Amino acid sequence: MTHPAVPLGEDQFLIERYLEHVRVEKRLASRTVELYALDLQKLSNFAAEAKVALRQVHSAHVRRWIAQMHGGGRSGRGIALILSGWRGFYAWLGREGLVRSNPVQDVRAPKVAKPLPKALSVDDAVQLAAFRAEDDDPWLEARDAAVAELLYSSGLRVSELTGLDVAASGAARGWIDLQAGEAQVLGKGSKRRSVPVGAAAMTALQRWLEVRAEAGVPAEQPALFIGRNGTRLTAQSIWQRLKRRSLRAGLATPVHPHMLRHSFASHVLQSSSDLRAVQELLGHANISTTQVYTRLDFQHLARAYDAAHPRARAKGGNKP
């Protein structure tokens, strides 16, 4: 015996119609339709609590519900995804002539905090820079050691590193000045800057230049870092070689070139607290770009405080 279908309320009926629309007419993947259904169920629940029909929802309702979700711990990114689903639903209702305006159209999720750049600890950075692969091809080992040392020593972008030549020339984008212990680089916006090269990096560079010369690299190849085929090393090759080197050095996290730039900036700031100097060294046009490293520095200080201060953590009860 078949039972008669239970009539759906208008809100549920509209949701079902919309889900059928995206499933059949827009041909969205089943998983996407499931996510839309979950998001619209949230919308229906909020509307029911506010005693308002979905067609009567206003922007003020949506903003209040956003605040509730954010206060409940949902991330700005998660809320943005939910709003996207709601926005599509009301756009469809508008095309169907069922609402006059889209209450979600001009509503935005809370700003998503920019993730902090990943930086190595000082110990991990030194471990990577000091690592030597004795069993590797001496030519590759000398080159890769110089690359790792220079990235960490001077905080170069990978594009700046690949653009370095052995010596200054009219066509050079950048070069190493061994006498001055500096790298001359061409950064973003075609801005030139000089950055110091540390003693360990200078030693690694001199070793690489010796190996490079012994290999008979032709004089017409000005590039400082080259591949086995004799052409300028690419950014992709440096990413691959540095990842391999970091894993062989025993680091838990694969390292990429920009991570060494972040590590350079963070460690210099920890030691000097001179934000302007770090800005100059990194070649940032705006100090606000450099200020992200103050957050890294604060995290470092907070961890040190938690580890060292006798009152930083509860010890199972206060003692007189």
C-alpha atoms as a PDB file:
ATOM      1  CA  MET A   1       0.000   0.000   0.000  1.00  0.00           C
ATOM      2  CA  THR A   2       1.427   3.409  -0.961  1.00  0.00           C
ATOM      3  CA  HIS A   3       1.061   6.361   1.331  1.00  0.00           C
ATOM      4  CA  PRO A   4       0.264   9.830  -0.007  1.00  0.00           C
ATOM      5  CA  ALA A   5       3.262  12.179  -0.150  1.00  0.00           C
ATOM      6  CA  VAL A   6       3.573  14.644   2.671  1.00  0.00           C
ATOM      7  CA  PRO A   7       3.187  18.204   1.289  1.00  0.00           C
ATOM      8  CA  LEU A   8       6.383  20.224   1.535  1.00  0.00           C
ATOM      9  CA  GLY A   9       6.413  23.689   3.060  1.00  0.00           C
ATOM     10  CA  GLU A  10       7.153  26.487   0.596  1.00  0.00           C
ATOM     11  CA  ASP A  11      10.755  26.940   1.793  1.00  0.00           C
ATOM     12  CA  GLN A  12      11.575  23.270   1.460  1.00  0.00           C
ATOM     13  CA  PHE A  13       9.794  23.130  -1.879  1.00  0.00           C
ATOM     14  CA  LEU A  14      11.904  26.015  -3.235  1.00  0.00           C
ATOM     15  CA  ILE A  15      15.114  24.400  -1.996  1.00  0.00           C
ATOM     16  CA  GLU A  16      14.209  21.112  -3.665  1.00  0.00           C
ATOM     17  CA  ARG A  17      13.401  22.903  -6.923  1.00  0.00           C
ATOM     18  CA  TYR A  18      16.708  24.748  -6.853  1.00  0.00           C
ATOM     19  CA  LEU A  19      18.704  21.588  -6.118  1.00  0.00           C
ATOM     20  CA  GLU A  20      16.958  19.887  -9.026  1.00  0.00           C
ATOM     21  CA  HIS A  21      17.890  22.858 -11.194  1.00  0.00           C
ATOM     22  CA  VAL A  22      21.615  22.669 -10.375  1.00  0.00           C
ATOM     23  CA  ARG A  23      21.584  18.878 -10.633  1.00  0.00           C
ATOM     24  CA  VAL A  24      19.781  18.608 -13.994  1.00  0.00           C
ATOM     25  CA  GLU A  25      20.185  21.904 -15.817  1.00  0.00           C
ATOM     26  CA  LYS A  26      23.604  22.999 -14.555  1.00  0.00           C
ATOM     27  CA  ARG A  27      24.809  19.398 -14.309  1.00  0.00           C
ATOM     28  CA  LEU A  28      26.842  19.982 -11.179  1.00  0.00           C
ATOM     29  CA  ALA A  29      28.656  17.053  -9.568  1.00  0.00           C
ATOM     30  CA  SER A  30      26.688  15.095  -6.989  1.00  0.00           C
ATOM     31  CA  ARG A  31      29.107  16.086  -4.218  1.00  0.00           C
ATOM     32  CA  THR A  32      28.633  19.765  -5.088  1.00  0.00           C
ATOM     33  CA  VAL A  33      24.851  19.354  -4.979  1.00  0.00           C
ATOM     34  CA  GLU A  34      25.177  17.701  -1.554  1.00  0.00           C
ATOM     35  CA  LEU A  35      27.191  20.668  -0.263  1.00  0.00           C
ATOM     36  CA  TYR A  36      24.604  23.085  -1.665  1.00  0.00           C
ATOM     37  CA  ALA A  37      21.889  21.121   0.130  1.00  0.00           C
ATOM     38  CA  LEU A  38      23.754  21.371   3.445  1.00  0.00           C
ATOM     39  CA  ASP A  39      24.285  25.114   3.030  1.00  0.00           C
ATOM     40  CA  LEU A  40      20.643  25.698   2.147  1.00  0.00           C
ATOM     41  CA  GLN A  41      19.547  23.634   5.133  1.00  0.00           C
ATOM     42  CA  LYS A  42      21.559  26.043   7.307  1.00  0.00           C
ATOM     43  CA  LEU A  43      19.767  28.934   5.635  1.00  0.00           C
ATOM     44  CA  SER A  44      16.385  27.290   6.225  1.00  0.00           C
ATOM     45  CA  ASN A  45      17.216  26.677   9.895  1.00  0.00           C
ATOM     46  CA  PHE A  46      18.274  30.291  10.430  1.00  0.00           C
ATOM     47  CA  ALA A  47      15.115  31.540   8.727  1.00  0.00           C
ATOM     48  CA  ALA A  48      12.917  29.226  10.818  1.00  0.00           C
ATOM     49  CA  GLU A  49      14.531  30.486  14.044  1.00  0.00           C
ATOM     50  CA  ALA A  50      13.926  34.072  12.912  1.00  0.00           C
ATOM     51  CA  LYS A  51      10.327  33.167  11.942  1.00  0.00           C
ATOM     52  CA  VAL A  52      10.839  34.495   8.437  1.00  0.00           C
ATOM     53  CA  ALA A  53      10.177  32.769   5.104  1.00  0.00           C
ATOM     54  CA  LEU A  54      13.116  32.376   2.720  1.00  0.00           C
ATOM     55  CA  ARG A  55      11.472  34.787   0.250  1.00  0.00           C
ATOM     56  CA  GLN A  56      11.255  37.425   3.003  1.00  0.00           C
ATOM     57  CA  VAL A  57      14.924  37.302   4.037  1.00  0.00           C
ATOM     58  CA  HIS A  58      16.744  40.657   3.990  1.00  0.00           C
ATOM     59  CA  SER A  59      20.436  41.564   4.070  1.00  0.00           C
ATOM     60  CA  ALA A  60      20.130  42.388   7.778  1.00  0.00           C
ATOM     61  CA  HIS A  61      19.100  38.783   8.458  1.00  0.00           C
ATOM     62  CA  VAL A  62      22.058  37.451   6.489  1.00  0.00           C
ATOM     63  CA  ARG A  63      24.522  39.711   8.303  1.00  0.00           C
ATOM     64  CA  ARG A  64      23.155  38.590  11.662  1.00  0.00           C
ATOM     65  CA  TRP A  65      23.516  34.938  10.673  1.00  0.00           C
ATOM     66  CA  ILE A  66      27.068  35.557   9.490  1.00  0.00           C
ATOM     67  CA  ALA A  67      27.882  37.028  12.899  1.00  0.00           C
ATOM     68  CA  GLN A  68      26.383  33.975  14.596  1.00  0.00           C
ATOM     69  CA  MET A  69      28.425  31.568  12.454  1.00  0.00           C
ATOM     70  CA  HIS A  70      31.607  33.570  12.979  1.00  0.00           C
ATOM     71  CA  GLY A  71      30.984  33.779  16.711  1.00  0.00           C
ATOM     72  CA  GLY A  72      30.484  30.016  16.732  1.00  0.00           C
ATOM     73  CA  GLY A  73      33.992  29.521  15.382  1.00  0.00           C
ATOM     74  CA  ARG A  74      33.368  29.061  11.670  1.00  0.00           C
ATOM     75  CA  SER A  75      36.202  30.460   9.577  1.00  0.00           C
ATOM     76  CA  GLY A  76      35.833  33.369   7.189  1.00  0.00           C
ATOM     77  CA  ARG A  77      36.668  31.027   4.307  1.00  0.00           C
ATOM     78  CA  GLY A  78      33.939  28.588   5.356  1.00  0.00           C
ATOM     79  CA  ILE A  79      31.386  31.388   5.673  1.00  0.00           C
ATOM     80  CA  ALA A  80      32.354  32.696   2.229  1.00  0.00           C
ATOM     81  CA  LEU A  81      31.583  29.279   0.721  1.00  0.00           C
ATOM     82  CA  ILE A  82      28.196  29.167   2.457  1.00  0.00           C
ATOM     83  CA  LEU A  83      27.345  32.672   1.241  1.00  0.00           C
ATOM     84  CA  SER A  84      28.269  31.658  -2.290  1.00  0.00           C
ATOM     85  CA  GLY A  85      25.667  28.874  -2.113  1.00  0.00           C
ATOM     86  CA  TRP A  86      23.034  31.201  -0.689  1.00  0.00           C
ATOM     87  CA  ARG A  87      23.836  33.850  -3.313  1.00  0.00           C
ATOM     88  CA  GLY A  88      23.256  31.352  -6.127  1.00  0.00           C
ATOM     89  CA  PHE A  89      19.961  30.253  -4.601  1.00  0.00           C
ATOM     90  CA  TYR A  90      18.593  33.811  -4.410  1.00  0.00           C
ATOM     91  CA  ALA A  91      19.872  34.608  -7.909  1.00  0.00           C
ATOM     92  CA  TRP A  92      17.796  31.694  -9.151  1.00  0.00           C
ATOM     93  CA  LEU A  93      14.755  32.880  -7.141  1.00  0.00           C
ATOM     94  CA  GLY A  94      15.161  36.280  -8.809  1.00  0.00           C
ATOM     95  CA  ARG A  95      15.218  34.752 -12.291  1.00  0.00           C
ATOM     96  CA  GLU A  96      12.073  32.834 -11.376  1.00  0.00           C
ATOM     97  CA  GLY A  97      10.399  36.104 -10.366  1.00  0.00           C
ATOM     98  CA  LEU A  98      10.022  34.960  -6.753  1.00  0.00           C
ATOM     99  CA  VAL A  99      12.115  37.689  -5.064  1.00  0.00           C
ATOM    100  CA  ARG A 100      12.704  41.312  -6.015  1.00  0.00           C
ATOM    101  CA  SER A 101      16.341  41.441  -4.931  1.00  0.00           C
ATOM    102  CA  ASN A 102      19.131  39.169  -3.776  1.00  0.00           C
ATOM    103  CA  PRO A 103      19.671  39.711  -0.012  1.00  0.00           C
ATOM    104  CA  VAL A 104      23.111  38.081  -0.195  1.00  0.00           C
ATOM    105  CA  GLN A 105      24.387  40.036  -3.196  1.00  0.00           C
ATOM    106  CA  ASP A 106      26.377  42.722  -1.367  1.00  0.00           C
ATOM    107  CA  VAL A 107      27.089  40.770   1.822  1.00  0.00           C
ATOM    108  CA  ARG A 108      30.640  39.577   2.362  1.00  0.00           C
ATOM    109  CA  ALA A 109      32.170  37.090   4.759  1.00  0.00           C
ATOM    110  CA  PRO A 110      34.587  38.232   7.473  1.00  0.00           C
ATOM    111  CA  LYS A 111      38.062  38.834   6.105  1.00  0.00           C
ATOM    112  CA  VAL A 112      40.251  35.775   6.109  1.00  0.00           C
ATOM    113  CA  ALA A 113      43.462  36.391   8.007  1.00  0.00           C
ATOM    114  CA  LYS A 114      46.462  36.027   5.742  1.00  0.00           C
ATOM    115  CA  PRO A 115      48.422  32.934   6.673  1.00  0.00           C
ATOM    116  CA  LEU A 116      51.827  33.601   8.121  1.00  0.00           C
ATOM    117  CA  PRO A 117      54.717  32.830   5.816  1.00  0.00           C
ATOM    118  CA  LYS A 118      56.413  29.553   6.677  1.00  0.00           C
ATOM    119  CA  ALA A 119      59.842  30.040   8.193  1.00  0.00           C
ATOM    120  CA  LEU A 120      62.327  27.522   9.496  1.00  0.00           C
ATOM    121  CA  SER A 121      63.607  27.610  13.031  1.00  0.00           C
ATOM    122  CA  VAL A 122      67.164  28.895  13.366  1.00  0.00           C
ATOM    123  CA  ASP A 123      68.391  25.375  14.108  1.00  0.00           C
ATOM    124  CA  ASP A 124      66.679  23.917  11.030  1.00  0.00           C
ATOM    125  CA  ALA A 125      67.947  26.707   8.783  1.00  0.00           C
ATOM    126  CA  VAL A 126      71.514  26.222   9.988  1.00  0.00           C
ATOM    127  CA  GLN A 127      71.158  22.443   9.636  1.00  0.00           C
ATOM    128  CA  LEU A 128      70.110  22.846   6.010  1.00  0.00           C
ATOM    129  CA  ALA A 129      72.781  25.416   5.188  1.00  0.00           C
ATOM    130  CA  ALA A 130      75.524  23.351   6.812  1.00  0.00           C
ATOM    131  CA  PHE A 131      74.474  20.057   5.212  1.00  0.00           C
ATOM    132  CA  ARG A 132      76.959  18.524   2.782  1.00  0.00           C
ATOM    133  CA  ALA A 133      76.056  15.546   0.599  1.00  0.00           C
ATOM    134  CA  GLU A 134      79.416  13.791   0.495  1.00  0.00           C
ATOM    135  CA  ASP A 135      78.045  10.981  -1.687  1.00  0.00           C
ATOM    136  CA  ASP A 136      76.613  13.334  -4.313  1.00  0.00           C
ATOM    137  CA  ASP A 137      78.157  14.457  -7.578  1.00  0.00           C
ATOM    138  CA  PRO A 138      80.782  17.049  -6.455  1.00  0.00           C
ATOM    139  CA  TRP A 139      79.651  19.447  -9.191  1.00  0.00           C
ATOM    140  CA  LEU A 140      75.995  19.314  -8.101  1.00  0.00           C
ATOM    141  CA  GLU A 141      76.915  19.376  -4.409  1.00  0.00           C
ATOM    142  CA  ALA A 142      79.027  22.515  -4.746  1.00  0.00           C
ATOM    143  CA  ARG A 143      76.315  24.281  -6.741  1.00  0.00           C
ATOM    144  CA  ASP A 144      73.408  23.255  -4.493  1.00  0.00           C
ATOM    145  CA  ALA A 145      75.331  24.167  -1.333  1.00  0.00           C
ATOM    146  CA  ALA A 146      76.009  27.634  -2.746  1.00  0.00           C
ATOM    147  CA  VAL A 147      72.335  28.030  -3.703  1.00  0.00           C
ATOM    148  CA  ALA A 148      71.090  27.084  -0.222  1.00  0.00           C
ATOM    149  CA  GLU A 149      73.678  29.245   1.551  1.00  0.00           C
ATOM    150  CA  LEU A 150      72.971  32.284  -0.621  1.00  0.00           C
ATOM    151  CA  LEU A 151      69.182  32.053  -0.322  1.00  0.00           C
ATOM    152  CA  TYR A 152      69.382  31.935   3.469  1.00  0.00           C
ATOM    153  CA  SER A 153      72.273  34.392   3.776  1.00  0.00           C
ATOM    154  CA  SER A 154      70.755  37.152   1.660  1.00  0.00           C
ATOM    155  CA  GLY A 155      66.998  36.512   1.534  1.00  0.00           C
ATOM    156  CA  LEU A 156      66.859  36.533  -2.252  1.00  0.00           C
ATOM    157  CA  ARG A 157      63.771  35.752  -4.274  1.00  0.00           C
ATOM    158  CA  VAL A 158      64.303  32.713  -6.488  1.00  0.00           C
ATOM    159  CA  SER A 159      63.949  34.942  -9.585  1.00  0.00           C
ATOM    160  CA  GLU A 160      66.706  37.173  -8.233  1.00  0.00           C
ATOM    161  CA  LEU A 161      68.921  34.155  -7.624  1.00  0.00           C
ATOM    162  CA  THR A 162      68.448  32.719 -11.107  1.00  0.00           C
ATOM    163  CA  GLY A 163      69.165  36.157 -12.606  1.00  0.00           C
ATOM    164  CA  LEU A 164      72.638  36.408 -11.039  1.00  0.00           C
ATOM    165  CA  ASP A 165      75.684  36.477 -13.280  1.00  0.00           C
ATOM    166  CA  VAL A 166      79.272  35.704 -12.354  1.00  0.00           C
ATOM    167  CA  ALA A 167      80.340  39.310 -12.932  1.00  0.00           C
ATOM    168  CA  ALA A 168      78.898  42.722 -13.707  1.00  0.00           C
ATOM    169  CA  SER A 169      78.193  43.589 -17.328  1.00  0.00           C
ATOM    170  CA  GLY A 170      75.946  45.858 -19.293  1.00  0.00           C
ATOM    171  CA  ALA A 171      73.418  43.084 -19.793  1.00  0.00           C
ATOM    172  CA  ALA A 172      73.571  41.622 -16.279  1.00  0.00           C
ATOM    173  CA  ARG A 173      70.362  41.607 -14.243  1.00  0.00           C
ATOM    174  CA  GLY A 174      72.384  40.884 -11.117  1.00  0.00           C
ATOM    175  CA  TRP A 175      75.808  39.680 -10.070  1.00  0.00           C
ATOM    176  CA  ILE A 176      78.009  38.721  -7.136  1.00  0.00           C
ATOM    177  CA  ASP A 177      80.606  41.223  -5.978  1.00  0.00           C
ATOM    178  CA  LEU A 178      83.151  38.968  -4.270  1.00  0.00           C
ATOM    179  CA  GLN A 179      85.387  41.882  -3.274  1.00  0.00           C
ATOM    180  CA  ALA A 180      82.588  43.712  -1.454  1.00  0.00           C
ATOM    181  CA  GLY A 181      80.853  40.559  -0.197  1.00  0.00           C
ATOM    182  CA  GLU A 182      77.572  41.674  -1.744  1.00  0.00           C
ATOM    183  CA  ALA A 183      75.004  40.541  -4.266  1.00  0.00           C
ATOM    184  CA  GLN A 184      73.633  43.121  -6.674  1.00  0.00           C
ATOM    185  CA  VAL A 185      70.119  42.042  -7.631  1.00  0.00           C
ATOM    186  CA  LEU A 186      67.261  43.216  -9.791  1.00  0.00           C
ATOM    187  CA  GLY A 187      64.053  42.869  -7.792  1.00  0.00           C
ATOM    188  CA  LYS A 188      60.366  43.511  -8.372  1.00  0.00           C
ATOM    189  CA  GLY A 189      59.553  46.642 -10.324  1.00  0.00           C
ATOM    190  CA  SER A 190      63.060  46.500 -11.875  1.00  0.00           C
ATOM    191  CA  LYS A 191      64.486  47.979  -8.679  1.00  0.00           C
ATOM    192  CA  ARG A 192      68.127  47.279  -7.974  1.00  0.00           C
ATOM    193  CA  ARG A 193      69.465  46.724  -4.492  1.00  0.00           C
ATOM    194  CA  SER A 194      72.619  45.502  -2.782  1.00  0.00           C
ATOM    195  CA  VAL A 195      72.402  42.767  -0.170  1.00  0.00           C
ATOM    196  CA  PRO A 196      75.221  41.474   2.015  1.00  0.00           C
ATOM    197  CA  VAL A 197      76.460  37.927   1.565  1.00  0.00           C
ATOM    198  CA  GLY A 198      77.526  36.150   4.763  1.00  0.00           C
ATOM    199  CA  ALA A 199      80.924  34.538   5.270  1.00  0.00           C
ATOM    200  CA  ALA A 200      79.597  30.957   4.978  1.00  0.00           C
ATOM    201  CA  ALA A 201      77.764  31.810   1.759  1.00  0.00           C
ATOM    202  CA  MET A 202      80.872  33.491   0.356  1.00  0.00           C
ATOM    203  CA  THR A 203      82.911  30.357   1.056  1.00  0.00           C
ATOM    204  CA  ALA A 204      80.286  28.181  -0.649  1.00  0.00           C
ATOM    205  CA  LEU A 205      80.155  30.555  -3.640  1.00  0.00           C
ATOM    206  CA  GLN A 206      83.933  30.567  -4.053  1.00  0.00           C
ATOM    207  CA  ARG A 207      83.944  26.781  -3.948  1.00  0.00           C
ATOM    208  CA  TRP A 208      81.209  26.638  -6.588  1.00  0.00           C
ATOM    209  CA  LEU A 209      83.046  29.109  -8.827  1.00  0.00           C
ATOM    210  CA  GLU A 210      86.163  26.924  -8.618  1.00  0.00           C
ATOM    211  CA  VAL A 211      84.190  23.804  -9.586  1.00  0.00           C
ATOM    212  CA  ARG A 212      82.378  25.756 -12.311  1.00  0.00           C
ATOM    213  CA  ALA A 213      85.688  26.900 -13.805  1.00  0.00           C
ATOM    214  CA  GLU A 214      87.206  23.411 -13.599  1.00  0.00           C
ATOM    215  CA  ALA A 215      84.229  22.078 -15.553  1.00  0.00           C
ATOM    216  CA  GLY A 216      85.235  24.276 -18.473  1.00  0.00           C
ATOM    217  CA  VAL A 217      82.074  26.377 -18.629  1.00  0.00           C
ATOM    218  CA  PRO A 218      82.448  28.596 -21.733  1.00  0.00           C
ATOM    219  CA  ALA A 219      83.170  32.261 -21.119  1.00  0.00           C
ATOM    220  CA  GLU A 220      80.104  33.329 -23.086  1.00  0.00           C
ATOM    221  CA  GLN A 221      77.886  31.746 -20.392  1.00  0.00           C
ATOM    222  CA  PRO A 222      77.615  34.508 -17.768  1.00  0.00           C
ATOM    223  CA  ALA A 223      75.034  32.809 -15.511  1.00  0.00           C
ATOM    224  CA  LEU A 224      76.282  32.122 -11.985  1.00  0.00           C
ATOM    225  CA  PHE A 225      74.158  28.996 -11.497  1.00  0.00           C
ATOM    226  CA  ILE A 226      73.879  26.624 -14.427  1.00  0.00           C
ATOM    227  CA  GLY A 227      72.572  23.130 -15.054  1.00  0.00           C
ATOM    228  CA  ARG A 228      74.488  20.172 -16.432  1.00  0.00           C
ATOM    229  CA  ASN A 229      73.368  21.189 -19.917  1.00  0.00           C
ATOM    230  CA  GLY A 230      75.275  24.459 -19.527  1.00  0.00           C
ATOM    231  CA  THR A 231      72.246  26.748 -19.462  1.00  0.00           C
ATOM    232  CA  ARG A 232      71.052  29.081 -16.707  1.00  0.00           C
ATOM    233  CA  LEU A 233      69.404  27.185 -13.860  1.00  0.00           C
ATOM    234  CA  THR A 234      65.623  27.614 -13.772  1.00  0.00           C
ATOM    235  CA  ALA A 235      63.471  28.419 -10.748  1.00  0.00           C
ATOM    236  CA  GLN A 236      61.776  25.030 -11.080  1.00  0.00           C
ATOM    237  CA  SER A 237      65.133  23.237 -10.905  1.00  0.00           C
ATOM    238  CA  ILE A 238      66.073  25.172  -7.765  1.00  0.00           C
ATOM    239  CA  TRP A 239      62.753  24.251  -6.131  1.00  0.00           C
ATOM    240  CA  GLN A 240      63.339  20.573  -6.908  1.00  0.00           C
ATOM    241  CA  ARG A 241      66.974  20.513  -5.799  1.00  0.00           C
ATOM    242  CA  LEU A 242      66.267  22.418  -2.576  1.00  0.00           C
ATOM    243  CA  LYS A 243      63.381  20.111  -1.678  1.00  0.00           C
ATOM    244  CA  ARG A 244      65.633  17.095  -2.221  1.00  0.00           C
ATOM    245  CA  ARG A 245      68.435  18.673  -0.202  1.00  0.00           C
ATOM    246  CA  SER A 246      66.207  19.560   2.751  1.00  0.00           C
ATOM    247  CA  LEU A 247      64.859  16.014   2.992  1.00  0.00           C
ATOM    248  CA  ARG A 248      68.366  14.556   2.783  1.00  0.00           C
ATOM    249  CA  ALA A 249      69.462  16.982   5.498  1.00  0.00           C
ATOM    250  CA  GLY A 250      66.864  15.422   7.808  1.00  0.00           C
ATOM    251  CA  LEU A 251      64.353  18.275   7.949  1.00  0.00           C
ATOM    252  CA  ALA A 252      60.762  17.212   8.588  1.00  0.00           C
ATOM    253  CA  THR A 253      59.333  19.748   6.117  1.00  0.00           C
ATOM    254  CA  PRO A 254      60.366  20.027   2.464  1.00  0.00           C
ATOM    255  CA  VAL A 255      61.945  23.444   1.991  1.00  0.00           C
ATOM    256  CA  HIS A 256      61.299  25.769  -0.940  1.00  0.00           C
ATOM    257  CA  PRO A 257      63.269  28.920  -1.858  1.00  0.00           C
ATOM    258  CA  HIS A 258      60.747  31.406  -0.484  1.00  0.00           C
ATOM    259  CA  MET A 259      60.805  29.599   2.861  1.00  0.00           C
ATOM    260  CA  LEU A 260      64.494  30.472   3.143  1.00  0.00           C
ATOM    261  CA  ARG A 261      63.667  34.108   2.310  1.00  0.00           C
ATOM    262  CA  HIS A 262      61.057  34.086   5.092  1.00  0.00           C
ATOM    263  CA  SER A 263      63.556  32.462   7.444  1.00  0.00           C
ATOM    264  CA  PHE A 264      66.192  35.081   6.618  1.00  0.00           C
ATOM    265  CA  ALA A 265      63.763  37.933   7.337  1.00  0.00           C
ATOM    266  CA  SER A 266      62.400  36.388  10.526  1.00  0.00           C
ATOM    267  CA  HIS A 267      65.813  35.567  11.974  1.00  0.00           C
ATOM    268  CA  VAL A 268      67.292  38.990  11.171  1.00  0.00           C
ATOM    269  CA  LEU A 269      64.276  40.660  12.775  1.00  0.00           C
ATOM    270  CA  GLN A 270      64.537  38.447  15.864  1.00  0.00           C
ATOM    271  CA  SER A 271      68.172  39.484  16.296  1.00  0.00           C
ATOM    272  CA  SER A 272      67.974  43.168  15.383  1.00  0.00           C
ATOM    273  CA  SER A 273      64.317  44.287  15.779  1.00  0.00           C
ATOM    274  CA  ASP A 274      65.107  46.681  12.893  1.00  0.00           C
ATOM    275  CA  LEU A 275      62.055  46.478  10.631  1.00  0.00           C
ATOM    276  CA  ARG A 276      63.305  49.178   8.249  1.00  0.00           C
ATOM    277  CA  ALA A 277      66.578  47.337   7.698  1.00  0.00           C
ATOM    278  CA  VAL A 278      64.708  44.110   6.928  1.00  0.00           C
ATOM    279  CA  GLN A 279      62.505  46.037   4.492  1.00  0.00           C
ATOM    280  CA  GLU A 280      65.599  47.292   2.665  1.00  0.00           C
ATOM    281  CA  LEU A 281      67.219  43.872   2.597  1.00  0.00           C
ATOM    282  CA  LEU A 282      64.104  42.212   1.191  1.00  0.00           C
ATOM    283  CA  GLY A 283      63.444  44.967  -1.334  1.00  0.00           C
ATOM    284  CA  HIS A 284      59.877  45.606  -0.165  1.00  0.00           C
ATOM    285  CA  ALA A 285      58.365  48.791  -1.548  1.00  0.00           C
ATOM    286  CA  ASN A 286      56.023  49.146   1.462  1.00  0.00           C
ATOM    287  CA  ILE A 287      56.808  48.603   5.126  1.00  0.00           C
ATOM    288  CA  SER A 288      53.389  46.950   5.538  1.00  0.00           C
ATOM    289  CA  THR A 289      54.633  43.999   3.478  1.00  0.00           C
ATOM    290  CA  THR A 290      57.543  43.548   5.875  1.00  0.00           C
ATOM    291  CA  GLN A 291      55.391  43.859   8.990  1.00  0.00           C
ATOM    292  CA  VAL A 292      54.128  40.286   8.590  1.00  0.00           C
ATOM    293  CA  TYR A 293      57.486  39.195   9.990  1.00  0.00           C
ATOM    294  CA  THR A 294      56.742  40.979  13.254  1.00  0.00           C
ATOM    295  CA  ARG A 295      53.924  38.444  13.686  1.00  0.00           C
ATOM    296  CA  LEU A 296      56.402  35.615  13.110  1.00  0.00           C
ATOM    297  CA  ASP A 297      58.736  37.231  15.616  1.00  0.00           C
ATOM    298  CA  PHE A 298      55.934  37.505  18.173  1.00  0.00           C
ATOM    299  CA  GLN A 299      55.135  33.813  17.718  1.00  0.00           C
ATOM    300  CA  HIS A 300      58.778  33.019  18.410  1.00  0.00           C
ATOM    301  CA  LEU A 301      58.738  35.162  21.562  1.00  0.00           C
ATOM    302  CA  ALA A 302      55.453  33.630  22.711  1.00  0.00           C
ATOM    303  CA  ARG A 303      56.842  30.108  22.366  1.00  0.00           C
ATOM    304  CA  ALA A 304      59.976  31.093  24.266  1.00  0.00           C
ATOM    305  CA  TYR A 305      57.815  32.631  27.000  1.00  0.00           C
ATOM    306  CA  ASP A 306      55.633  29.524  27.271  1.00  0.00           C
ATOM    307  CA  ALA A 307      58.705  27.320  27.539  1.00  0.00           C
ATOM    308  CA  ALA A 308      60.678  29.437  29.984  1.00  0.00           C
ATOM    309  CA  HIS A 309      58.438  31.554  32.189  1.00  0.00           C
ATOM    310  CA  PRO A 310      57.480  29.882  35.490  1.00  0.00           C
ATOM    311  CA  ARG A 311      54.004  31.453  35.401  1.00  0.00           C
ATOM    312  CA  ALA A 312      53.294  30.846  31.698  1.00  0.00           C
ATOM    313  CA  ARG A 313      51.406  27.589  32.187  1.00  0.00           C
ATOM    314  CA  ALA A 314      49.265  26.155  34.940  1.00  0.00           C
ATOM    315  CA  LYS A 315      51.101  23.612  37.070  1.00  0.00           C
ATOM    316  CA  GLY A 316      48.062  21.883  38.471  1.00  0.00           C
ATOM    317  CA  GLY A 317      47.090  24.598  40.893  1.00  0.00           C
ATOM    318  CA  ASN A 318      48.438  27.774  42.439  1.00  0.00           C
ATOM    319  CA  LYS A 319      50.875  27.445  45.268  1.00  0.00           C
ATOM    320  CA  PRO A 320      51.609  30.113  47.845  1.00  0.00           C
END
